[in-house]
Every structure is written in C-alpha cells, then in structure tokens.
C-alpha cells in the first residue's frame, strides 16, 4: 500500500491484531513509527501496551457489550422488545507511542 500511496502518514486498523502486524512489518522494513508512519488500532488487548513502541488504540467496554447484547437477545427470545434497541456504551482513546 505504501508503494502505491507514498504520501500516507497514518493508518487506522479495525483491530489491534492487524495494527500490530503492521507495526512489526514497519520495524522489519525500517519504517520509523511514528516518525514516518503513525499507527492505531481498535480493541486495546493487553499486548497493545506492551509493544515497543506501544500501540495507540480505541478501547471499548467489551464485557458490557457482551452482557447488554445477551440481555437484549433474551428479551427478543421472550417475545419482548428490548428497552433500548441501540445503546451507546462509549469508548476510550489511548494515545500511546505510535500516535
């Protein structure tokens, strides 16, 4: 991708696994992160904070998402409409070393 778009200065990935893969690839290719290319991911598993440089990421309340989704599913299975068919649980941006 960088060969096709050399002016790219940042990449955002839909999950941290992909972002970490890109980070390791950058390190192997000699691309300085974040000086040449900023990286960020989504999910914030513990490994994201342990890398060097530490990965910037968006954290969501996954436990609460699962719990609330299960509660909604149980309501639907019982023939009832969930109280809130859409619910904003928020997120936290962790700006770390890959900016």
PDB file of N, CA and C in Angstrom:
ATOM      1  N   UNK A   1       0.811  -1.183   0.000  1.00  0.00           N
ATOM      2  CA  UNK A   1       0.000   0.000   0.000  1.00  0.00           C
ATOM      3  C   UNK A   1       0.863   1.259   0.000  1.00  0.00           C
ATOM      4  N   UNK A   2       1.918   1.231   0.774  1.00  0.00           N
ATOM      5  CA  UNK A   2       2.773   2.415   0.851  1.00  0.00           C
ATOM      6  C   UNK A   2       3.472   2.697  -0.475  1.00  0.00           C
ATOM      7  N   UNK A   3       3.725   1.643  -1.261  1.00  0.00           N
ATOM      8  CA  UNK A   3       4.317   1.860  -2.579  1.00  0.00           C
ATOM      9  C   UNK A   3       3.343   2.616  -3.486  1.00  0.00           C
ATOM     10  N   UNK A   4       2.052   2.278  -3.388  1.00  0.00           N
ATOM     11  CA  UNK A   4       1.028   2.928  -4.216  1.00  0.00           C
ATOM     12  C   UNK A   4       0.669   4.318  -3.706  1.00  0.00           C
ATOM     13  N   UNK A   5       0.799   4.529  -2.414  1.00  0.00           N
ATOM     14  CA  UNK A   5       0.428   5.807  -1.788  1.00  0.00           C
ATOM     15  C   UNK A   5       1.568   6.272  -0.878  1.00  0.00           C
ATOM     16  N   UNK A   6       2.667   6.737  -1.445  1.00  0.00           N
ATOM     17  CA  UNK A   6       3.841   7.090  -0.638  1.00  0.00           C
ATOM     18  C   UNK A   6       3.628   8.284   0.289  1.00  0.00           C
ATOM     19  N   UNK A   7       2.572   9.066   0.074  1.00  0.00           N
ATOM     20  CA  UNK A   7       2.318  10.212   0.949  1.00  0.00           C
ATOM     21  C   UNK A   7       1.517   9.829   2.191  1.00  0.00           C
ATOM     22  N   UNK A   8       1.204   8.546   2.360  1.00  0.00           N
ATOM     23  CA  UNK A   8       0.470   8.081   3.540  1.00  0.00           C
ATOM     24  C   UNK A   8       1.314   8.324   4.787  1.00  0.00           C
ATOM     25  N   UNK A   9       0.712   8.964   5.795  1.00  0.00           N
ATOM     26  CA  UNK A   9       1.463   9.208   7.029  1.00  0.00           C
ATOM     27  C   UNK A   9       0.811   8.580   8.259  1.00  0.00           C
ATOM     28  N   UNK A  10      -0.351   7.930   8.080  1.00  0.00           N
ATOM     29  CA  UNK A  10      -1.020   7.279   9.204  1.00  0.00           C
ATOM     30  C   UNK A  10      -1.954   6.189   8.687  1.00  0.00           C
ATOM     31  N   UNK A  11      -2.097   5.130   9.489  1.00  0.00           N
ATOM     32  CA  UNK A  11      -3.022   4.049   9.177  1.00  0.00           C
ATOM     33  C   UNK A  11      -3.819   3.714  10.425  1.00  0.00           C
ATOM     34  N   UNK A  12      -5.140   3.525  10.254  1.00  0.00           N
ATOM     35  CA  UNK A  12      -6.015   3.094  11.348  1.00  0.00           C
ATOM     36  C   UNK A  12      -6.581   1.736  10.975  1.00  0.00           C
ATOM     37  N   UNK A  13      -6.465   0.782  11.873  1.00  0.00           N
ATOM     38  CA  UNK A  13      -6.898  -0.582  11.607  1.00  0.00           C
ATOM     39  C   UNK A  13      -8.152  -0.915  12.401  1.00  0.00           C
ATOM     40  N   UNK A  14      -8.971  -1.831  11.863  1.00  0.00           N
ATOM     41  CA  UNK A  14     -10.231  -2.196  12.512  1.00  0.00           C
ATOM     42  C   UNK A  14     -10.012  -3.049  13.757  1.00  0.00           C
ATOM     43  N   UNK A  15      -8.801  -3.539  13.969  1.00  0.00           N
ATOM     44  CA  UNK A  15      -8.486  -4.232  15.218  1.00  0.00           C
ATOM     45  C   UNK A  15      -6.984  -4.137  15.485  1.00  0.00           C
ATOM     46  N   UNK A  16      -6.619  -4.381  16.714  1.00  0.00           N
ATOM     47  CA  UNK A  16      -5.219  -4.237  17.112  1.00  0.00           C
ATOM     48  C   UNK A  16      -4.335  -5.347  16.561  1.00  0.00           C
ATOM     49  N   UNK A  17      -4.907  -6.516  16.267  1.00  0.00           N
ATOM     50  CA  UNK A  17      -4.094  -7.584  15.688  1.00  0.00           C
ATOM     51  C   UNK A  17      -3.500  -7.134  14.358  1.00  0.00           C
ATOM     52  N   UNK A  18      -4.322  -6.520  13.515  1.00  0.00           N
ATOM     53  CA  UNK A  18      -3.829  -6.020  12.229  1.00  0.00           C
ATOM     54  C   UNK A  18      -2.842  -4.876  12.428  1.00  0.00           C
ATOM     55  N   UNK A  19      -3.141  -3.985  13.365  1.00  0.00           N
ATOM     56  CA  UNK A  19      -2.241  -2.857  13.625  1.00  0.00           C
ATOM     57  C   UNK A  19      -0.887  -3.347  14.135  1.00  0.00           C
ATOM     58  N   UNK A  20      -0.902  -4.355  14.993  1.00  0.00           N
ATOM     59  CA  UNK A  20       0.360  -4.907  15.497  1.00  0.00           C
ATOM     60  C   UNK A  20       1.140  -5.584  14.373  1.00  0.00           C
ATOM     61  N   UNK A  21       0.436  -6.269  13.482  1.00  0.00           N
ATOM     62  CA  UNK A  21       1.102  -6.857  12.322  1.00  0.00           C
ATOM     63  C   UNK A  21       1.772  -5.790  11.472  1.00  0.00           C
ATOM     64  N   UNK A  22       1.078  -4.669  11.274  1.00  0.00           N
ATOM     65  CA  UNK A  22       1.659  -3.559  10.508  1.00  0.00           C
ATOM     66  C   UNK A  22       2.862  -2.969  11.237  1.00  0.00           C
ATOM     67  N   UNK A  23       2.767  -2.860  12.557  1.00  0.00           N
ATOM     68  CA  UNK A  23       3.889  -2.338  13.339  1.00  0.00           C
ATOM     69  C   UNK A  23       5.122  -3.226  13.162  1.00  0.00           C
ATOM     70  N   UNK A  24       4.948  -4.533  13.273  1.00  0.00           N
ATOM     71  CA  UNK A  24       6.078  -5.447  13.119  1.00  0.00           C
ATOM     72  C   UNK A  24       6.637  -5.392  11.698  1.00  0.00           C
ATOM     73  N   UNK A  25       5.755  -5.254  10.716  1.00  0.00           N
ATOM     74  CA  UNK A  25       6.208  -5.142   9.322  1.00  0.00           C
ATOM     75  C   UNK A  25       7.009  -3.851   9.128  1.00  0.00           C
ATOM     76  N   UNK A  26       6.541  -2.760   9.707  1.00  0.00           N
ATOM     77  CA  UNK A  26       7.282  -1.492   9.617  1.00  0.00           C
ATOM     78  C   UNK A  26       8.667  -1.633  10.224  1.00  0.00           C
ATOM     79  N   UNK A  27       8.743  -2.279  11.372  1.00  0.00           N
ATOM     80  CA  UNK A  27      10.036  -2.462  12.027  1.00  0.00           C
ATOM     81  C   UNK A  27      10.980  -3.270  11.141  1.00  0.00           C
ATOM     82  N   UNK A  28      10.464  -4.333  10.497  1.00  0.00           N
ATOM     83  CA  UNK A  28      11.298  -5.154   9.606  1.00  0.00           C
ATOM     84  C   UNK A  28      11.744  -4.380   8.371  1.00  0.00           C
ATOM     85  N   UNK A  29      10.907  -3.456   7.891  1.00  0.00           N
ATOM     86  CA  UNK A  29      11.229  -2.700   6.675  1.00  0.00           C
ATOM     87  C   UNK A  29      11.986  -1.411   6.965  1.00  0.00           C
ATOM     88  N   UNK A  30      12.243  -1.120   8.234  1.00  0.00           N
ATOM     89  CA  UNK A  30      12.981   0.087   8.584  1.00  0.00           C
ATOM     90  C   UNK A  30      12.154   1.355   8.518  1.00  0.00           C
ATOM     91  N   UNK A  31      10.830   1.234   8.623  1.00  0.00           N
ATOM     92  CA  UNK A  31       9.943   2.401   8.634  1.00  0.00           C
ATOM     93  C   UNK A  31       9.787   2.847  10.080  1.00  0.00           C
ATOM     94  N   UNK A  32      10.177   4.067  10.382  1.00  0.00           N
ATOM     95  CA  UNK A  32      10.131   4.578  11.754  1.00  0.00           C
ATOM     96  C   UNK A  32       8.693   4.917  12.142  1.00  0.00           C
ATOM     97  N   UNK A  33       8.228   4.286  13.219  1.00  0.00           N
ATOM     98  CA  UNK A  33       6.891   4.539  13.761  1.00  0.00           C
ATOM     99  C   UNK A  33       7.077   5.268  15.077  1.00  0.00           C
ATOM    100  N   UNK A  34       6.495   6.427  15.277  1.00  0.00           N
ATOM    101  CA  UNK A  34       5.531   7.164  14.459  1.00  0.00           C
ATOM    102  C   UNK A  34       6.150   8.241  13.569  1.00  0.00           C
ATOM    103  N   UNK A  35       7.465   8.369  13.545  1.00  0.00           N
ATOM    104  CA  UNK A  35       8.088   9.474  12.806  1.00  0.00           C
ATOM    105  C   UNK A  35       7.716   9.471  11.323  1.00  0.00           C
ATOM    106  N   UNK A  36       7.734   8.303  10.692  1.00  0.00           N
ATOM    107  CA  UNK A  36       7.386   8.207   9.273  1.00  0.00           C
ATOM    108  C   UNK A  36       5.941   7.786   9.054  1.00  0.00           C
ATOM    109  N   UNK A  37       5.423   6.950   9.941  1.00  0.00           N
ATOM    110  CA  UNK A  37       4.075   6.416   9.782  1.00  0.00           C
ATOM    111  C   UNK A  37       3.453   6.204  11.155  1.00  0.00           C
ATOM    112  N   UNK A  38       2.318   6.846  11.393  1.00  0.00           N
ATOM    113  CA  UNK A  38       1.579   6.653  12.641  1.00  0.00           C
ATOM    114  C   UNK A  38       0.627   5.476  12.466  1.00  0.00           C
ATOM    115  N   UNK A  39       0.426   4.709  13.541  1.00  0.00           N
ATOM    116  CA  UNK A  39      -0.460   3.548  13.503  1.00  0.00           C
ATOM    117  C   UNK A  39      -1.409   3.591  14.687  1.00  0.00           C
ATOM    118  N   UNK A  40      -2.632   3.121  14.465  1.00  0.00           N
ATOM    119  CA  UNK A  40      -3.600   2.995  15.553  1.00  0.00           C
ATOM    120  C   UNK A  40      -4.504   1.808  15.263  1.00  0.00           C
ATOM    121  N   UNK A  41      -5.010   1.214  16.325  1.00  0.00           N
ATOM    122  CA  UNK A  41      -5.888   0.063  16.189  1.00  0.00           C
ATOM    123  C   UNK A  41      -7.167   0.242  16.979  1.00  0.00           C
ATOM    124  N   UNK A  42      -7.859  -0.871  17.172  1.00  0.00           N
ATOM    125  CA  UNK A  42      -9.157  -0.852  17.834  1.00  0.00           C
ATOM    126  C   UNK A  42      -9.289  -2.123  18.658  1.00  0.00           C
ATOM    127  N   UNK A  43      -9.615  -2.014  19.913  1.00  0.00           N
ATOM    128  CA  UNK A  43      -9.925  -3.092  20.864  1.00  0.00           C
ATOM    129  C   UNK A  43      -9.103  -3.029  22.139  1.00  0.00           C
ATOM    130  N   UNK A  44      -7.843  -2.641  22.065  1.00  0.00           N
ATOM    131  CA  UNK A  44      -6.971  -2.499  23.229  1.00  0.00           C
ATOM    132  C   UNK A  44      -6.772  -3.770  24.048  1.00  0.00           C
ATOM    133  N   UNK A  45      -6.331  -4.867  23.418  1.00  0.00           N
ATOM    134  CA  UNK A  45      -5.922  -6.006  24.240  1.00  0.00           C
ATOM    135  C   UNK A  45      -4.623  -5.648  24.970  1.00  0.00           C
ATOM    136  N   UNK A  46      -4.280  -6.359  26.027  1.00  0.00           N
ATOM    137  CA  UNK A  46      -3.091  -6.004  26.807  1.00  0.00           C
ATOM    138  C   UNK A  46      -1.807  -5.880  25.987  1.00  0.00           C
ATOM    139  N   UNK A  47      -1.630  -6.719  24.980  1.00  0.00           N
ATOM    140  CA  UNK A  47      -0.390  -6.692  24.194  1.00  0.00           C
ATOM    141  C   UNK A  47      -0.163  -5.351  23.514  1.00  0.00           C
ATOM    142  N   UNK A  48      -1.209  -4.589  23.275  1.00  0.00           N
ATOM    143  CA  UNK A  48      -1.058  -3.299  22.594  1.00  0.00           C
ATOM    144  C   UNK A  48      -0.222  -2.318  23.405  1.00  0.00           C
ATOM    145  N   UNK A  49      -0.272  -2.438  24.706  1.00  0.00           N
ATOM    146  CA  UNK A  49       0.511  -1.549  25.570  1.00  0.00           C
ATOM    147  C   UNK A  49       1.923  -2.076  25.794  1.00  0.00           C
ATOM    148  N   UNK A  50       2.172  -3.332  25.447  1.00  0.00           N
ATOM    149  CA  UNK A  50       3.465  -3.953  25.732  1.00  0.00           C
ATOM    150  C   UNK A  50       4.456  -3.844  24.590  1.00  0.00           C
ATOM    151  N   UNK A  51       4.007  -3.459  23.403  1.00  0.00           N
ATOM    152  CA  UNK A  51       4.921  -3.404  22.266  1.00  0.00           C
ATOM    153  C   UNK A  51       5.825  -2.184  22.377  1.00  0.00           C
ATOM    154  N   UNK A  52       6.887  -2.204  21.585  1.00  0.00           N
ATOM    155  CA  UNK A  52       7.770  -1.046  21.514  1.00  0.00           C
ATOM    156  C   UNK A  52       7.884  -0.638  20.065  1.00  0.00           C
ATOM    157  N   UNK A  53       7.310   0.482  19.702  1.00  0.00           N
ATOM    158  CA  UNK A  53       6.565   1.430  20.530  1.00  0.00           C
ATOM    159  C   UNK A  53       5.166   0.908  20.858  1.00  0.00           C
ATOM    160  N   UNK A  54       4.615   1.386  21.972  1.00  0.00           N
ATOM    161  CA  UNK A  54       3.279   0.966  22.401  1.00  0.00           C
ATOM    162  C   UNK A  54       2.236   1.492  21.415  1.00  0.00           C
ATOM    163  N   UNK A  55       1.249   0.643  21.101  1.00  0.00           N
ATOM    164  CA  UNK A  55       0.254   0.940  20.076  1.00  0.00           C
ATOM    165  C   UNK A  55      -0.859   1.847  20.596  1.00  0.00           C
ATOM    166  N   UNK A  56      -1.140   2.907  19.853  1.00  0.00           N
ATOM    167  CA  UNK A  56      -2.318   3.739  20.132  1.00  0.00           C
ATOM    168  C   UNK A  56      -3.553   2.957  19.696  1.00  0.00           C
ATOM    169  N   UNK A  57      -4.635   3.070  20.461  1.00  0.00           N
ATOM    170  CA  UNK A  57      -5.801   2.235  20.181  1.00  0.00           C
ATOM    171  C   UNK A  57      -7.073   2.843  20.763  1.00  0.00           C
ATOM    172  N   UNK A  58      -8.190   2.355  20.284  1.00  0.00           N
ATOM    173  CA  UNK A  58      -9.501   2.736  20.809  1.00  0.00           C
ATOM    174  C   UNK A  58     -10.016   1.550  21.618  1.00  0.00           C
ATOM    175  N   UNK A  59     -10.335   1.784  22.876  1.00  0.00           N
ATOM    176  CA  UNK A  59     -10.852   0.725  23.745  1.00  0.00           C
ATOM    177  C   UNK A  59     -12.356   0.873  23.883  1.00  0.00           C
ATOM    178  N   UNK A  60     -13.041  -0.255  23.814  1.00  0.00           N
ATOM    179  CA  UNK A  60     -14.484  -0.273  24.039  1.00  0.00           C
ATOM    180  C   UNK A  60     -14.766  -1.197  25.220  1.00  0.00           C
ATOM    181  N   UNK A  61     -15.879  -0.991  25.905  1.00  0.00           N
ATOM    182  CA  UNK A  61     -16.215  -1.840  27.051  1.00  0.00           C
ATOM    183  C   UNK A  61     -16.765  -3.193  26.579  1.00  0.00           C
ATOM    184  N   UNK A  62     -15.882  -4.094  26.163  1.00  0.00           N
ATOM    185  CA  UNK A  62     -16.307  -5.356  25.546  1.00  0.00           C
ATOM    186  C   UNK A  62     -17.159  -6.210  26.469  1.00  0.00           C
ATOM    187  N   UNK A  63     -16.818  -6.276  27.742  1.00  0.00           N
ATOM    188  CA  UNK A  63     -17.621  -7.071  28.670  1.00  0.00           C
ATOM    189  C   UNK A  63     -19.048  -6.537  28.711  1.00  0.00           C
ATOM    190  N   UNK A  64     -19.183  -5.218  28.811  1.00  0.00           N
ATOM    191  CA  UNK A  64     -20.512  -4.608  28.862  1.00  0.00           C
ATOM    192  C   UNK A  64     -21.261  -4.807  27.545  1.00  0.00           C
ATOM    193  N   UNK A  65     -20.563  -4.749  26.424  1.00  0.00           N
ATOM    194  CA  UNK A  65     -21.193  -5.003  25.125  1.00  0.00           C
ATOM    195  C   UNK A  65     -21.769  -6.418  25.106  1.00  0.00           C
ATOM    196  N   UNK A  66     -20.993  -7.391  25.543  1.00  0.00           N
ATOM    197  CA  UNK A  66     -21.465  -8.775  25.578  1.00  0.00           C
ATOM    198  C   UNK A  66     -22.636  -8.963  26.519  1.00  0.00           C
ATOM    199  N   UNK A  67     -22.535  -8.396  27.707  1.00  0.00           N
ATOM    200  CA  UNK A  67     -23.606  -8.527  28.697  1.00  0.00           C
ATOM    201  C   UNK A  67     -24.895  -7.906  28.195  1.00  0.00           C
ATOM    202  N   UNK A  68     -24.806  -6.680  27.677  1.00  0.00           N
ATOM    203  CA  UNK A  68     -26.004  -5.991  27.195  1.00  0.00           C
ATOM    204  C   UNK A  68     -26.585  -6.665  25.957  1.00  0.00           C
ATOM    205  N   UNK A  69     -25.723  -7.200  25.096  1.00  0.00           N
ATOM    206  CA  UNK A  69     -26.202  -7.914  23.908  1.00  0.00           C
ATOM    207  C   UNK A  69     -26.955  -9.175  24.309  1.00  0.00           C
ATOM    208  N   UNK A  70     -26.417  -9.902  25.280  1.00  0.00           N
ATOM    209  CA  UNK A  70     -27.093 -11.106  25.759  1.00  0.00           C
ATOM    210  C   UNK A  70     -28.444 -10.760  26.377  1.00  0.00           C
ATOM    211  N   UNK A  71     -28.508  -9.677  27.138  1.00  0.00           N
ATOM    212  CA  UNK A  71     -29.777  -9.260  27.748  1.00  0.00           C
ATOM    213  C   UNK A  71     -30.801  -8.906  26.671  1.00  0.00           C
ATOM    214  N   UNK A  72     -30.361  -8.207  25.623  1.00  0.00           N
ATOM    215  CA  UNK A  72     -31.273  -7.870  24.527  1.00  0.00           C
ATOM    216  C   UNK A  72     -31.762  -9.125  23.814  1.00  0.00           C
ATOM    217  N   UNK A  73     -30.856 -10.072  23.591  1.00  0.00           N
ATOM    218  CA  UNK A  73     -31.221 -11.315  22.925  1.00  0.00           C
ATOM    219  C   UNK A  73     -32.241 -12.092  23.750  1.00  0.00           C
ATOM    220  N   UNK A  74     -32.043 -12.155  25.052  1.00  0.00           N
ATOM    221  CA  UNK A  74     -33.005 -12.839  25.918  1.00  0.00           C
ATOM    222  C   UNK A  74     -34.374 -12.165  25.851  1.00  0.00           C
ATOM    223  N   UNK A  75     -34.400 -10.838  25.805  1.00  0.00           N
ATOM    224  CA  UNK A  75     -35.672 -10.117  25.667  1.00  0.00           C
ATOM    225  C   UNK A  75     -36.365 -10.500  24.360  1.00  0.00           C
ATOM    226  N   UNK A  76     -35.624 -10.504  23.272  1.00  0.00           N
ATOM    227  CA  UNK A  76     -36.192 -10.859  21.969  1.00  0.00           C
ATOM    228  C   UNK A  76     -36.688 -12.303  21.955  1.00  0.00           C
ATOM    229  N   UNK A  77     -35.921 -13.212  22.551  1.00  0.00           N
ATOM    230  CA  UNK A  77     -36.329 -14.620  22.594  1.00  0.00           C
ATOM    231  C   UNK A  77     -37.587 -14.809  23.425  1.00  0.00           C
ATOM    232  N   UNK A  78     -37.818 -13.930  24.390  1.00  0.00           N
ATOM    233  CA  UNK A  78     -39.021 -13.990  25.221  1.00  0.00           C
ATOM    234  C   UNK A  78     -40.194 -13.273  24.560  1.00  0.00           C
ATOM    235  N   UNK A  79     -39.986 -12.754  23.351  1.00  0.00           N
ATOM    236  CA  UNK A  79     -41.066 -12.081  22.633  1.00  0.00           C
ATOM    237  C   UNK A  79     -41.254 -10.628  23.015  1.00  0.00           C
ATOM    238  N   UNK A  80     -40.293 -10.069  23.723  1.00  0.00           N
ATOM    239  CA  UNK A  80     -40.386  -8.665  24.134  1.00  0.00           C
ATOM    240  C   UNK A  80     -39.370  -7.838  23.360  1.00  0.00           C
ATOM    241  N   UNK A  81     -39.704  -6.584  23.165  1.00  0.00           N
ATOM    242  CA  UNK A  81     -38.765  -5.649  22.547  1.00  0.00           C
ATOM    243  C   UNK A  81     -37.775  -5.180  23.607  1.00  0.00           C
ATOM    244  N   UNK A  82     -36.507  -5.110  23.277  1.00  0.00           N
ATOM    245  CA  UNK A  82     -35.532  -4.581  24.242  1.00  0.00           C
ATOM    246  C   UNK A  82     -35.864  -3.133  24.599  1.00  0.00           C
ATOM    247  N   UNK A  83     -35.548  -2.752  25.830  1.00  0.00           N
ATOM    248  CA  UNK A  83     -35.813  -1.378  26.269  1.00  0.00           C
ATOM    249  C   UNK A  83     -35.122  -0.365  25.377  1.00  0.00           C
ATOM    250  N   UNK A  84     -33.877  -0.638  25.048  1.00  0.00           N
ATOM    251  CA  UNK A  84     -33.103   0.270  24.192  1.00  0.00           C
ATOM    252  C   UNK A  84     -32.502  -0.552  23.055  1.00  0.00           C
ATOM    253  N   UNK A  85     -33.114  -0.512  21.854  1.00  0.00           N
ATOM    254  CA  UNK A  85     -32.553  -1.304  20.761  1.00  0.00           C
ATOM    255  C   UNK A  85     -31.161  -0.831  20.328  1.00  0.00           C
ATOM    256  N   UNK A  86     -30.823   0.413  20.639  1.00  0.00           N
ATOM    257  CA  UNK A  86     -29.477   0.947  20.384  1.00  0.00           C
ATOM    258  C   UNK A  86     -28.965   1.567  21.669  1.00  0.00           C
ATOM    259  N   UNK A  87     -27.711   1.326  21.927  1.00  0.00           N
ATOM    260  CA  UNK A  87     -27.153   1.819  23.181  1.00  0.00           C
ATOM    261  C   UNK A  87     -25.712   2.255  22.948  1.00  0.00           C
ATOM    262  N   UNK A  88     -25.393   3.466  23.344  1.00  0.00           N
ATOM    263  CA  UNK A  88     -24.030   3.984  23.216  1.00  0.00           C
ATOM    264  C   UNK A  88     -23.282   3.692  24.509  1.00  0.00           C
ATOM    265  N   UNK A  89     -22.294   2.826  24.419  1.00  0.00           N
ATOM    266  CA  UNK A  89     -21.511   2.461  25.599  1.00  0.00           C
ATOM    267  C   UNK A  89     -20.206   3.234  25.694  1.00  0.00           C
ATOM    268  N   UNK A  90     -19.939   4.064  24.705  1.00  0.00           N
ATOM    269  CA  UNK A  90     -18.750   4.904  24.752  1.00  0.00           C
ATOM    270  C   UNK A  90     -17.481   4.175  24.350  1.00  0.00           C
ATOM    271  N   UNK A  91     -16.384   4.892  24.442  1.00  0.00           N
ATOM    272  CA  UNK A  91     -15.072   4.363  24.095  1.00  0.00           C
ATOM    273  C   UNK A  91     -14.020   5.214  24.783  1.00  0.00           C
ATOM    274  N   UNK A  92     -12.795   4.719  24.795  1.00  0.00           N
ATOM    275  CA  UNK A  92     -11.662   5.454  25.343  1.00  0.00           C
ATOM    276  C   UNK A  92     -10.525   5.411  24.333  1.00  0.00           C
ATOM    277  N   UNK A  93      -9.983   6.563  24.013  1.00  0.00           N
ATOM    278  CA  UNK A  93      -8.841   6.634  23.108  1.00  0.00           C
ATOM    279  C   UNK A  93      -7.561   6.602  23.937  1.00  0.00           C
ATOM    280  N   UNK A  94      -6.714   5.615  23.671  1.00  0.00           N
ATOM    281  CA  UNK A  94      -5.423   5.508  24.344  1.00  0.00           C
ATOM    282  C   UNK A  94      -4.342   5.951  23.356  1.00  0.00           C
ATOM    283  N   UNK A  95      -3.879   7.177  23.488  1.00  0.00           N
ATOM    284  CA  UNK A  95      -2.811   7.678  22.621  1.00  0.00           C
ATOM    285  C   UNK A  95      -1.493   7.250  23.250  1.00  0.00           C
ATOM    286  N   UNK A  96      -0.826   6.348  22.563  1.00  0.00           N
ATOM    287  CA  UNK A  96       0.447   5.833  23.065  1.00  0.00           C
ATOM    288  C   UNK A  96       1.567   6.263  22.119  1.00  0.00           C
ATOM    289  N   UNK A  97       2.567   5.458  21.968  1.00  0.00           N
ATOM    290  CA  UNK A  97       3.771   5.878  21.245  1.00  0.00           C
ATOM    291  C   UNK A  97       3.669   5.815  19.723  1.00  0.00           C
ATOM    292  N   UNK A  98       2.667   5.111  19.169  1.00  0.00           N
ATOM    293  CA  UNK A  98       2.561   5.033  17.706  1.00  0.00           C
ATOM    294  C   UNK A  98       1.728   6.163  17.136  1.00  0.00           C
ATOM    295  N   UNK A  99       1.221   7.044  17.978  1.00  0.00           N
ATOM    296  CA  UNK A  99       0.390   8.194  17.651  1.00  0.00           C
ATOM    297  C   UNK A  99      -0.342   8.033  16.371  1.00  0.00           C
TER     298      UNK A  99
END
